[in-house]
Full PDB file with SEQRES, HELIX, SHEET, SSBOND, CRYST1, ORIGX, SCALE, CONECT and MASTER records, all heavy atoms in Angstrom:
SEQRES   1 A   34  THR TYR ILE SER ALA ASP ASP LEU ARG VAL ASN LEU TRP          
SEQRES   2 A   34  ASN LEU SER ILE SER ASP ARG SER PHE ASN ILE VAL ASP          
SEQRES   3 A   34  ILE LYS PRO VAL ASN MET GLU GLU                              
SHEET    1 AA1 3 TYR A   2  ALA A   5  0                                        
SHEET    2 AA1 3 ARG A   9  ASN A  14 -1                                        
SHEET    3 AA1 3 ILE A  17  ASP A  26 -1                                        
CRYST1    1.000    1.000    1.000  90.00  90.00  90.00 P 1           1          
ORIGX1      1.000000  0.000000  0.000000        0.00000                         
ORIGX2      0.000000  1.000000  0.000000        0.00000                         
ORIGX3      0.000000  0.000000  1.000000        0.00000                         
SCALE1      1.000000  0.000000  0.000000        0.00000                         
SCALE2      0.000000  1.000000  0.000000        0.00000                         
SCALE3      0.000000  0.000000  1.000000        0.00000                         
ATOM      1  N   THR A   1     -10.793 -10.540 -16.409  1.00  0.00           N  
ATOM      2  CA  THR A   1     -12.188 -10.061 -16.258  1.00  0.00           C  
ATOM      3  C   THR A   1     -12.525  -9.019 -17.287  1.00  0.00           C  
ATOM      4  O   THR A   1     -11.655  -8.438 -17.930  1.00  0.00           O  
ATOM      5  CB  THR A   1     -12.386  -9.501 -14.817  1.00  0.00           C  
ATOM      6  OG1 THR A   1     -11.442  -8.426 -14.626  1.00  0.00           O  
ATOM      7  CG2 THR A   1     -12.198 -10.553 -13.765  1.00  0.00           C  
ATOM      8  N   TYR A   2     -13.804  -8.737 -17.411  1.00  0.00           N  
ATOM      9  CA  TYR A   2     -14.285  -7.631 -18.240  1.00  0.00           C  
ATOM     10  C   TYR A   2     -15.603  -7.133 -17.706  1.00  0.00           C  
ATOM     11  O   TYR A   2     -16.256  -7.769 -16.883  1.00  0.00           O  
ATOM     12  CB  TYR A   2     -14.429  -8.082 -19.721  1.00  0.00           C  
ATOM     13  CG  TYR A   2     -15.605  -8.970 -20.026  1.00  0.00           C  
ATOM     14  CD1 TYR A   2     -16.801  -8.465 -20.469  1.00  0.00           C  
ATOM     15  CD2 TYR A   2     -15.495 -10.371 -19.895  1.00  0.00           C  
ATOM     16  CE1 TYR A   2     -17.908  -9.265 -20.780  1.00  0.00           C  
ATOM     17  CE2 TYR A   2     -16.573 -11.212 -20.178  1.00  0.00           C  
ATOM     18  CZ  TYR A   2     -17.751 -10.656 -20.630  1.00  0.00           C  
ATOM     19  OH  TYR A   2     -18.834 -11.485 -20.918  1.00  0.00           O  
ATOM     20  N   ILE A   3     -16.011  -5.913 -18.151  1.00  0.00           N  
ATOM     21  CA  ILE A   3     -17.266  -5.366 -17.751  1.00  0.00           C  
ATOM     22  C   ILE A   3     -18.164  -5.221 -18.988  1.00  0.00           C  
ATOM     23  O   ILE A   3     -17.703  -5.050 -20.114  1.00  0.00           O  
ATOM     24  CB  ILE A   3     -17.163  -4.004 -17.048  1.00  0.00           C  
ATOM     25  CG1 ILE A   3     -16.352  -2.995 -17.889  1.00  0.00           C  
ATOM     26  CG2 ILE A   3     -16.622  -4.131 -15.647  1.00  0.00           C  
ATOM     27  CD1 ILE A   3     -16.330  -1.583 -17.323  1.00  0.00           C  
ATOM     28  N   SER A   4     -19.466  -5.345 -18.748  1.00  0.00           N  
ATOM     29  CA  SER A   4     -20.457  -5.066 -19.785  1.00  0.00           C  
ATOM     30  C   SER A   4     -21.461  -4.124 -19.174  1.00  0.00           C  
ATOM     31  O   SER A   4     -21.832  -4.234 -17.988  1.00  0.00           O  
ATOM     32  CB  SER A   4     -21.176  -6.359 -20.237  1.00  0.00           C  
ATOM     33  OG  SER A   4     -21.769  -7.026 -19.145  1.00  0.00           O  
ATOM     34  N   ALA A   5     -21.933  -3.155 -19.969  1.00  0.00           N  
ATOM     35  CA  ALA A   5     -22.823  -2.100 -19.450  1.00  0.00           C  
ATOM     36  C   ALA A   5     -24.075  -2.025 -20.316  1.00  0.00           C  
ATOM     37  O   ALA A   5     -24.002  -2.096 -21.557  1.00  0.00           O  
ATOM     38  CB  ALA A   5     -22.111  -0.769 -19.364  1.00  0.00           C  
ATOM     39  N   ASP A   6     -25.215  -1.812 -19.660  1.00  0.00           N  
ATOM     40  CA  ASP A   6     -26.461  -1.444 -20.385  1.00  0.00           C  
ATOM     41  C   ASP A   6     -26.944  -0.123 -19.839  1.00  0.00           C  
ATOM     42  O   ASP A   6     -26.216   0.551 -19.159  1.00  0.00           O  
ATOM     43  CB  ASP A   6     -27.504  -2.599 -20.356  1.00  0.00           C  
ATOM     44  CG  ASP A   6     -28.034  -2.874 -18.907  1.00  0.00           C  
ATOM     45  OD1 ASP A   6     -27.918  -1.981 -18.041  1.00  0.00           O  
ATOM     46  OD2 ASP A   6     -28.552  -3.964 -18.704  1.00  0.00           O  
ATOM     47  N   ASP A   7     -28.182   0.202 -20.120  1.00  0.00           N  
ATOM     48  CA  ASP A   7     -28.727   1.511 -19.722  1.00  0.00           C  
ATOM     49  C   ASP A   7     -28.726   1.728 -18.186  1.00  0.00           C  
ATOM     50  O   ASP A   7     -28.582   2.871 -17.730  1.00  0.00           O  
ATOM     51  CB  ASP A   7     -30.167   1.672 -20.201  1.00  0.00           C  
ATOM     52  CG  ASP A   7     -30.215   1.920 -21.704  1.00  0.00           C  
ATOM     53  OD1 ASP A   7     -29.152   2.105 -22.308  1.00  0.00           O  
ATOM     54  OD2 ASP A   7     -31.320   1.929 -22.285  1.00  0.00           O  
ATOM     55  N   LEU A   8     -28.853   0.644 -17.440  1.00  0.00           N  
ATOM     56  CA  LEU A   8     -29.046   0.817 -15.997  1.00  0.00           C  
ATOM     57  C   LEU A   8     -28.029   0.078 -15.125  1.00  0.00           C  
ATOM     58  O   LEU A   8     -27.928   0.333 -13.933  1.00  0.00           O  
ATOM     59  CB  LEU A   8     -30.453   0.336 -15.584  1.00  0.00           C  
ATOM     60  CG  LEU A   8     -31.631   1.084 -16.267  1.00  0.00           C  
ATOM     61  CD1 LEU A   8     -32.950   0.483 -15.823  1.00  0.00           C  
ATOM     62  CD2 LEU A   8     -31.574   2.562 -15.929  1.00  0.00           C  
ATOM     63  N   ARG A   9     -27.268  -0.833 -15.729  1.00  0.00           N  
ATOM     64  CA  ARG A   9     -26.336  -1.635 -14.913  1.00  0.00           C  
ATOM     65  C   ARG A   9     -25.002  -1.833 -15.596  1.00  0.00           C  
ATOM     66  O   ARG A   9     -24.896  -1.844 -16.808  1.00  0.00           O  
ATOM     67  CB  ARG A   9     -26.952  -3.050 -14.637  1.00  0.00           C  
ATOM     68  CG  ARG A   9     -28.205  -2.995 -13.708  1.00  0.00           C  
ATOM     69  CD  ARG A   9     -28.605  -4.401 -13.364  1.00  0.00           C  
ATOM     70  NE  ARG A   9     -29.701  -4.430 -12.404  1.00  0.00           N  
ATOM     71  CZ  ARG A   9     -30.981  -4.519 -12.724  1.00  0.00           C  
ATOM     72  NH1 ARG A   9     -31.333  -4.601 -13.984  1.00  0.00           N  
ATOM     73  NH2 ARG A   9     -31.923  -4.531 -11.792  1.00  0.00           N  
ATOM     74  N   VAL A  10     -23.970  -2.047 -14.743  1.00  0.00           N  
ATOM     75  CA  VAL A  10     -22.664  -2.479 -15.194  1.00  0.00           C  
ATOM     76  C   VAL A  10     -22.357  -3.782 -14.469  1.00  0.00           C  
ATOM     77  O   VAL A  10     -22.473  -3.863 -13.225  1.00  0.00           O  
ATOM     78  CB  VAL A  10     -21.555  -1.453 -14.852  1.00  0.00           C  
ATOM     79  CG1 VAL A  10     -20.203  -1.964 -15.336  1.00  0.00           C  
ATOM     80  CG2 VAL A  10     -21.869  -0.107 -15.531  1.00  0.00           C  
ATOM     81  N   ASN A  11     -22.001  -4.805 -15.230  1.00  0.00           N  
ATOM     82  CA  ASN A  11     -21.691  -6.132 -14.668  1.00  0.00           C  
ATOM     83  C   ASN A  11     -20.255  -6.502 -14.879  1.00  0.00           C  
ATOM     84  O   ASN A  11     -19.650  -6.165 -15.893  1.00  0.00           O  
ATOM     85  CB  ASN A  11     -22.598  -7.226 -15.324  1.00  0.00           C  
ATOM     86  CG  ASN A  11     -24.074  -7.051 -14.926  1.00  0.00           C  
ATOM     87  OD1 ASN A  11     -24.395  -6.568 -13.891  1.00  0.00           O  
ATOM     88  ND2 ASN A  11     -24.942  -7.478 -15.844  1.00  0.00           N  
ATOM     89  N   LEU A  12     -19.698  -7.211 -13.873  1.00  0.00           N  
ATOM     90  CA  LEU A  12     -18.318  -7.674 -13.948  1.00  0.00           C  
ATOM     91  C   LEU A  12     -18.311  -9.193 -14.181  1.00  0.00           C  
ATOM     92  O   LEU A  12     -19.002  -9.945 -13.491  1.00  0.00           O  
ATOM     93  CB  LEU A  12     -17.601  -7.370 -12.611  1.00  0.00           C  
ATOM     94  CG  LEU A  12     -16.177  -7.901 -12.470  1.00  0.00           C  
ATOM     95  CD1 LEU A  12     -15.221  -7.186 -13.416  1.00  0.00           C  
ATOM     96  CD2 LEU A  12     -15.704  -7.767 -11.012  1.00  0.00           C  
ATOM     97  N   TRP A  13     -17.561  -9.601 -15.222  1.00  0.00           N  
ATOM     98  CA  TRP A  13     -17.500 -11.011 -15.619  1.00  0.00           C  
ATOM     99  C   TRP A  13     -16.096 -11.536 -15.462  1.00  0.00           C  
ATOM    100  O   TRP A  13     -15.107 -10.816 -15.653  1.00  0.00           O  
ATOM    101  CB  TRP A  13     -17.872 -11.184 -17.079  1.00  0.00           C  
ATOM    102  CG  TRP A  13     -19.269 -10.745 -17.469  1.00  0.00           C  
ATOM    103  CD1 TRP A  13     -19.671  -9.451 -17.697  1.00  0.00           C  
ATOM    104  CD2 TRP A  13     -20.379 -11.581 -17.685  1.00  0.00           C  
ATOM    105  NE1 TRP A  13     -20.986  -9.432 -18.092  1.00  0.00           N  
ATOM    106  CE2 TRP A  13     -21.449 -10.738 -18.067  1.00  0.00           C  
ATOM    107  CE3 TRP A  13     -20.612 -12.961 -17.608  1.00  0.00           C  
ATOM    108  CZ2 TRP A  13     -22.732 -11.223 -18.378  1.00  0.00           C  
ATOM    109  CZ3 TRP A  13     -21.861 -13.445 -17.921  1.00  0.00           C  
ATOM    110  CH2 TRP A  13     -22.915 -12.576 -18.294  1.00  0.00           C  
ATOM    111  N   ASN A  14     -15.962 -12.831 -15.236  1.00  0.00           N  
ATOM    112  CA  ASN A  14     -14.697 -13.539 -15.363  1.00  0.00           C  
ATOM    113  C   ASN A  14     -14.718 -14.221 -16.731  1.00  0.00           C  
ATOM    114  O   ASN A  14     -15.709 -14.850 -17.096  1.00  0.00           O  
ATOM    115  CB  ASN A  14     -14.547 -14.603 -14.264  1.00  0.00           C  
ATOM    116  CG  ASN A  14     -13.139 -15.209 -14.251  1.00  0.00           C  
ATOM    117  OD1 ASN A  14     -12.726 -15.835 -15.210  1.00  0.00           O  
ATOM    118  ND2 ASN A  14     -12.405 -15.023 -13.171  1.00  0.00           N  
ATOM    119  N   LEU A  15     -13.648 -14.090 -17.496  1.00  0.00           N  
ATOM    120  CA  LEU A  15     -13.639 -14.581 -18.863  1.00  0.00           C  
ATOM    121  C   LEU A  15     -13.853 -16.087 -18.932  1.00  0.00           C  
ATOM    122  O   LEU A  15     -14.333 -16.629 -19.937  1.00  0.00           O  
ATOM    123  CB  LEU A  15     -12.311 -14.219 -19.554  1.00  0.00           C  
ATOM    124  CG  LEU A  15     -12.180 -12.752 -19.984  1.00  0.00           C  
ATOM    125  CD1 LEU A  15     -10.726 -12.443 -20.292  1.00  0.00           C  
ATOM    126  CD2 LEU A  15     -13.070 -12.450 -21.162  1.00  0.00           C  
ATOM    127  N   SER A  16     -13.500 -16.797 -17.865  1.00  0.00           N  
ATOM    128  CA  SER A  16     -13.611 -18.259 -17.873  1.00  0.00           C  
ATOM    129  C   SER A  16     -14.953 -18.740 -17.362  1.00  0.00           C  
ATOM    130  O   SER A  16     -15.282 -19.936 -17.413  1.00  0.00           O  
ATOM    131  CB  SER A  16     -12.511 -18.859 -17.045  1.00  0.00           C  
ATOM    132  OG  SER A  16     -12.585 -18.432 -15.704  1.00  0.00           O  
ATOM    133  N   ILE A  17     -15.805 -17.818 -16.861  1.00  0.00           N  
ATOM    134  CA  ILE A  17     -17.114 -18.204 -16.319  1.00  0.00           C  
ATOM    135  C   ILE A  17     -18.201 -17.463 -17.089  1.00  0.00           C  
ATOM    136  O   ILE A  17     -18.302 -16.252 -17.030  1.00  0.00           O  
ATOM    137  CB  ILE A  17     -17.216 -17.849 -14.825  1.00  0.00           C  
ATOM    138  CG1 ILE A  17     -16.085 -18.553 -14.040  1.00  0.00           C  
ATOM    139  CG2 ILE A  17     -18.580 -18.277 -14.252  1.00  0.00           C  
ATOM    140  CD1 ILE A  17     -15.989 -18.121 -12.579  1.00  0.00           C  
ATOM    141  N   SER A  18     -19.017 -18.190 -17.850  1.00  0.00           N  
ATOM    142  CA  SER A  18     -19.997 -17.579 -18.732  1.00  0.00           C  
ATOM    143  C   SER A  18     -21.436 -17.582 -18.184  1.00  0.00           C  
ATOM    144  O   SER A  18     -22.265 -16.920 -18.768  1.00  0.00           O  
ATOM    145  CB  SER A  18     -19.967 -18.287 -20.076  1.00  0.00           C  
ATOM    146  OG  SER A  18     -20.300 -19.659 -19.952  1.00  0.00           O  
ATOM    147  N   ASP A  19     -21.670 -18.251 -17.103  1.00  0.00           N  
ATOM    148  CA  ASP A  19     -23.043 -18.381 -16.623  1.00  0.00           C  
ATOM    149  C   ASP A  19     -23.392 -17.481 -15.439  1.00  0.00           C  
ATOM    150  O   ASP A  19     -24.487 -17.512 -14.924  1.00  0.00           O  
ATOM    151  CB  ASP A  19     -23.397 -19.828 -16.294  1.00  0.00           C  
ATOM    152  CG  ASP A  19     -22.480 -20.407 -15.226  1.00  0.00           C  
ATOM    153  OD1 ASP A  19     -21.506 -19.737 -14.827  1.00  0.00           O  
ATOM    154  OD2 ASP A  19     -22.741 -21.530 -14.725  1.00  0.00           O  
ATOM    155  N   ARG A  20     -22.453 -16.689 -14.972  1.00  0.00           N  
ATOM    156  CA  ARG A  20     -22.778 -15.726 -13.892  1.00  0.00           C  
ATOM    157  C   ARG A  20     -21.817 -14.526 -13.896  1.00  0.00           C  
ATOM    158  O   ARG A  20     -20.677 -14.650 -14.325  1.00  0.00           O  
ATOM    159  CB  ARG A  20     -22.767 -16.438 -12.516  1.00  0.00           C  
ATOM    160  CG  ARG A  20     -21.436 -16.998 -12.086  1.00  0.00           C  
ATOM    161  CD  ARG A  20     -21.589 -17.719 -10.739  1.00  0.00           C  
ATOM    162  NE  ARG A  20     -20.335 -18.273 -10.266  1.00  0.00           N  
ATOM    163  CZ  ARG A  20     -19.839 -19.452 -10.615  1.00  0.00           C  
ATOM    164  NH1 ARG A  20     -20.502 -20.197 -11.454  1.00  0.00           N  
ATOM    165  NH2 ARG A  20     -18.694 -19.870 -10.135  1.00  0.00           N  
ATOM    166  N   SER A  21     -22.314 -13.450 -13.399  1.00  0.00           N  
ATOM    167  CA  SER A  21     -21.555 -12.217 -13.276  1.00  0.00           C  
ATOM    168  C   SER A  21     -21.906 -11.499 -12.014  1.00  0.00           C  
ATOM    169  O   SER A  21     -22.851 -11.904 -11.324  1.00  0.00           O  
ATOM    170  CB  SER A  21     -21.852 -11.296 -14.521  1.00  0.00           C  
ATOM    171  OG  SER A  21     -23.216 -10.909 -14.519  1.00  0.00           O  
ATOM    172  N   PHE A  22     -21.137 -10.421 -11.704  1.00  0.00           N  
ATOM    173  CA  PHE A  22     -21.399  -9.649 -10.493  1.00  0.00           C  
ATOM    174  C   PHE A  22     -21.857  -8.254 -10.915  1.00  0.00           C  
ATOM    175  O   PHE A  22     -21.197  -7.619 -11.753  1.00  0.00           O  
ATOM    176  CB  PHE A  22     -20.117  -9.516  -9.645  1.00  0.00           C  
ATOM    177  CG  PHE A  22     -19.630 -10.853  -9.145  1.00  0.00           C  
ATOM    178  CD1 PHE A  22     -18.644 -11.538  -9.826  1.00  0.00           C  
ATOM    179  CD2 PHE A  22     -20.161 -11.446  -7.996  1.00  0.00           C  
ATOM    180  CE1 PHE A  22     -18.136 -12.757  -9.390  1.00  0.00           C  
ATOM    181  CE2 PHE A  22     -19.716 -12.670  -7.527  1.00  0.00           C  
ATOM    182  CZ  PHE A  22     -18.702 -13.342  -8.239  1.00  0.00           C  
ATOM    183  N   ASN A  23     -22.934  -7.820 -10.328  1.00  0.00           N  
ATOM    184  CA  ASN A  23     -23.429  -6.445 -10.605  1.00  0.00           C  
ATOM    185  C   ASN A  23     -22.650  -5.457  -9.781  1.00  0.00           C  
ATOM    186  O   ASN A  23     -22.632  -5.529  -8.544  1.00  0.00           O  
ATOM    187  CB  ASN A  23     -24.942  -6.379 -10.303  1.00  0.00           C  
ATOM    188  CG  ASN A  23     -25.488  -5.002 -10.566  1.00  0.00           C  
ATOM    189  OD1 ASN A  23     -26.217  -4.461  -9.746  1.00  0.00           O  
ATOM    190  ND2 ASN A  23     -25.177  -4.415 -11.684  1.00  0.00           N  
ATOM    191  N   ILE A  24     -21.951  -4.530 -10.436  1.00  0.00           N  
ATOM    192  CA  ILE A  24     -21.111  -3.560  -9.711  1.00  0.00           C  
ATOM    193  C   ILE A  24     -21.665  -2.149  -9.774  1.00  0.00           C  
ATOM    194  O   ILE A  24     -21.232  -1.286  -8.990  1.00  0.00           O  
ATOM    195  CB  ILE A  24     -19.660  -3.589 -10.183  1.00  0.00           C  
ATOM    196  CG1 ILE A  24     -19.553  -3.397 -11.696  1.00  0.00           C  
ATOM    197  CG2 ILE A  24     -18.979  -4.903  -9.786  1.00  0.00           C  
ATOM    198  CD1 ILE A  24     -18.101  -3.287 -12.228  1.00  0.00           C  
ATOM    199  N   VAL A  25     -22.577  -1.856 -10.686  1.00  0.00           N  
ATOM    200  CA  VAL A  25     -23.269  -0.548 -10.726  1.00  0.00           C  
ATOM    201  C   VAL A  25     -24.735  -0.821 -11.083  1.00  0.00           C  
ATOM    202  O   VAL A  25     -25.007  -1.575 -12.032  1.00  0.00           O  
ATOM    203  CB  VAL A  25     -22.678   0.434 -11.775  1.00  0.00           C  
ATOM    204  CG1 VAL A  25     -23.514   1.691 -11.847  1.00  0.00           C  
ATOM    205  CG2 VAL A  25     -21.237   0.777 -11.414  1.00  0.00           C  
ATOM    206  N   ASP A  26     -25.640  -0.231 -10.328  1.00  0.00           N  
ATOM    207  CA  ASP A  26     -27.064  -0.383 -10.581  1.00  0.00           C  
ATOM    208  C   ASP A  26     -27.734   0.947 -10.295  1.00  0.00           C  
ATOM    209  O   ASP A  26     -27.839   1.353  -9.111  1.00  0.00           O  
ATOM    210  CB  ASP A  26     -27.668  -1.480  -9.705  1.00  0.00           C  
ATOM    211  CG  ASP A  26     -29.103  -1.822 -10.070  1.00  0.00           C  
ATOM    212  OD1 ASP A  26     -29.736  -1.033 -10.814  1.00  0.00           O  
ATOM    213  OD2 ASP A  26     -29.634  -2.869  -9.609  1.00  0.00           O  
ATOM    214  N   ILE A  27     -28.195   1.625 -11.323  1.00  0.00           N  
ATOM    215  CA  ILE A  27     -28.834   2.933 -11.120  1.00  0.00           C  
ATOM    216  C   ILE A  27     -30.356   2.839 -11.299  1.00  0.00           C  
ATOM    217  O   ILE A  27     -31.042   3.874 -11.368  1.00  0.00           O  
ATOM    218  CB  ILE A  27     -28.241   4.018 -12.044  1.00  0.00           C  
ATOM    219  CG1 ILE A  27     -28.568   3.691 -13.518  1.00  0.00           C  
ATOM    220  CG2 ILE A  27     -26.766   4.171 -11.821  1.00  0.00           C  
ATOM    221  CD1 ILE A  27     -28.262   4.866 -14.462  1.00  0.00           C  
ATOM    222  N   LYS A  28     -30.871   1.610 -11.379  1.00  0.00           N  
ATOM    223  CA  LYS A  28     -32.313   1.439 -11.569  1.00  0.00           C  
ATOM    224  C   LYS A  28     -33.071   1.865 -10.315  1.00  0.00           C  
ATOM    225  O   LYS A  28     -32.869   1.319  -9.248  1.00  0.00           O  
ATOM    226  CB  LYS A  28     -32.647  -0.007 -11.918  1.00  0.00           C  
ATOM    227  CG  LYS A  28     -34.119  -0.249 -12.223  1.00  0.00           C  
ATOM    228  CD  LYS A  28     -34.377  -1.691 -12.594  1.00  0.00           C  
ATOM    229  CE  LYS A  28     -35.849  -1.920 -12.930  1.00  0.00           C  
ATOM    230  NZ  LYS A  28     -36.127  -3.320 -13.294  1.00  0.00           N  
ATOM    231  N   PRO A  29     -34.005   2.834 -10.412  1.00  0.00           N  
ATOM    232  CA  PRO A  29     -34.778   3.253  -9.229  1.00  0.00           C  
ATOM    233  C   PRO A  29     -35.856   2.236  -8.923  1.00  0.00           C  
ATOM    234  O   PRO A  29     -36.233   1.430  -9.764  1.00  0.00           O  
ATOM    235  CB  PRO A  29     -35.390   4.612  -9.674  1.00  0.00           C  
ATOM    236  CG  PRO A  29     -35.498   4.510 -11.155  1.00  0.00           C  
ATOM    237  CD  PRO A  29     -34.348   3.617 -11.619  1.00  0.00           C  
ATOM    238  N   VAL A  30     -36.363   2.258  -7.683  1.00  0.00           N  
ATOM    239  CA  VAL A  30     -37.437   1.346  -7.309  1.00  0.00           C  
ATOM    240  C   VAL A  30     -38.652   1.613  -8.170  1.00  0.00           C  
ATOM    241  O   VAL A  30     -39.328   0.677  -8.664  1.00  0.00           O  
ATOM    242  CB  VAL A  30     -37.776   1.554  -5.791  1.00  0.00           C  
ATOM    243  CG1 VAL A  30     -38.959   0.662  -5.409  1.00  0.00           C  
ATOM    244  CG2 VAL A  30     -36.569   1.228  -4.953  1.00  0.00           C  
ATOM    245  N   ASN A  31     -38.924   2.870  -8.387  1.00  0.00           N  
ATOM    246  CA  ASN A  31     -40.035   3.276  -9.290  1.00  0.00           C  
ATOM    247  C   ASN A  31     -39.434   3.812 -10.573  1.00  0.00           C  
ATOM    248  O   ASN A  31     -38.774   4.839 -10.586  1.00  0.00           O  
ATOM    249  CB  ASN A  31     -40.913   4.374  -8.591  1.00  0.00           C  
ATOM    250  CG  ASN A  31     -42.072   4.792  -9.459  1.00  0.00           C  
ATOM    251  OD1 ASN A  31     -42.293   4.291 -10.594  1.00  0.00           O  
ATOM    252  ND2 ASN A  31     -42.890   5.712  -8.928  1.00  0.00           N  
ATOM    253  N   MET A  32     -39.669   3.100 -11.692  1.00  0.00           N  
ATOM    254  CA  MET A  32     -39.078   3.499 -12.964  1.00  0.00           C  
ATOM    255  C   MET A  32     -39.522   4.898 -13.437  1.00  0.00           C  
ATOM    256  O   MET A  32     -38.848   5.491 -14.267  1.00  0.00           O  
ATOM    257  CB  MET A  32     -39.398   2.457 -14.056  1.00  0.00           C  
ATOM    258  CG  MET A  32     -38.589   1.216 -13.962  1.00  0.00           C  
ATOM    259  SD  MET A  32     -36.808   1.473 -14.231  1.00  0.00           S  
ATOM    260  CE  MET A  32     -36.761   1.666 -16.024  1.00  0.00           C  
ATOM    261  N   GLU A  33     -40.625   5.417 -12.905  1.00  0.00           N  
ATOM    262  CA  GLU A  33     -41.055   6.755 -13.256  1.00  0.00           C  
ATOM    263  C   GLU A  33     -40.092   7.823 -12.705  1.00  0.00           C  
ATOM    264  O   GLU A  33     -40.102   8.972 -13.123  1.00  0.00           O  
ATOM    265  CB  GLU A  33     -42.472   6.994 -12.717  1.00  0.00           C  
ATOM    266  CG  GLU A  33     -43.532   6.163 -13.460  1.00  0.00           C  
ATOM    267  CD  GLU A  33     -44.938   6.482 -12.953  1.00  0.00           C  
ATOM    268  OE1 GLU A  33     -45.065   7.291 -12.042  1.00  0.00           O  
ATOM    269  OE2 GLU A  33     -45.898   5.876 -13.517  1.00  0.00           O  
ATOM    270  N   GLU A  34     -39.263   7.412 -11.734  1.00  0.00           N  
ATOM    271  CA  GLU A  34     -38.290   8.347 -11.171  1.00  0.00           C  
ATOM    272  C   GLU A  34     -36.947   8.314 -11.887  1.00  0.00           C  
ATOM    273  O   GLU A  34     -35.990   9.011 -11.462  1.00  0.00           O  
ATOM    274  CB  GLU A  34     -38.071   7.992  -9.687  1.00  0.00           C  
ATOM    275  CG  GLU A  34     -39.367   8.154  -8.837  1.00  0.00           C  
ATOM    276  CD  GLU A  34     -39.146   7.642  -7.416  1.00  0.00           C  
ATOM    277  OE1 GLU A  34     -38.037   7.180  -7.103  1.00  0.00           O  
ATOM    278  OE2 GLU A  34     -40.121   7.710  -6.631  1.00  0.00           O  
TER     279      GLU A  34                                                      
MASTER        0    0    0    0    3    0    0    6  278    1    0    3          
END                                                                             
């Protein structure tokens, strides 16, 4: 497995599966102004 991170999320991938991942960190607020 491996993780990929952007500004708001960290996703967990299986190296053998390229069409789906699991979101393991999500810091995006409901209101982006917050």
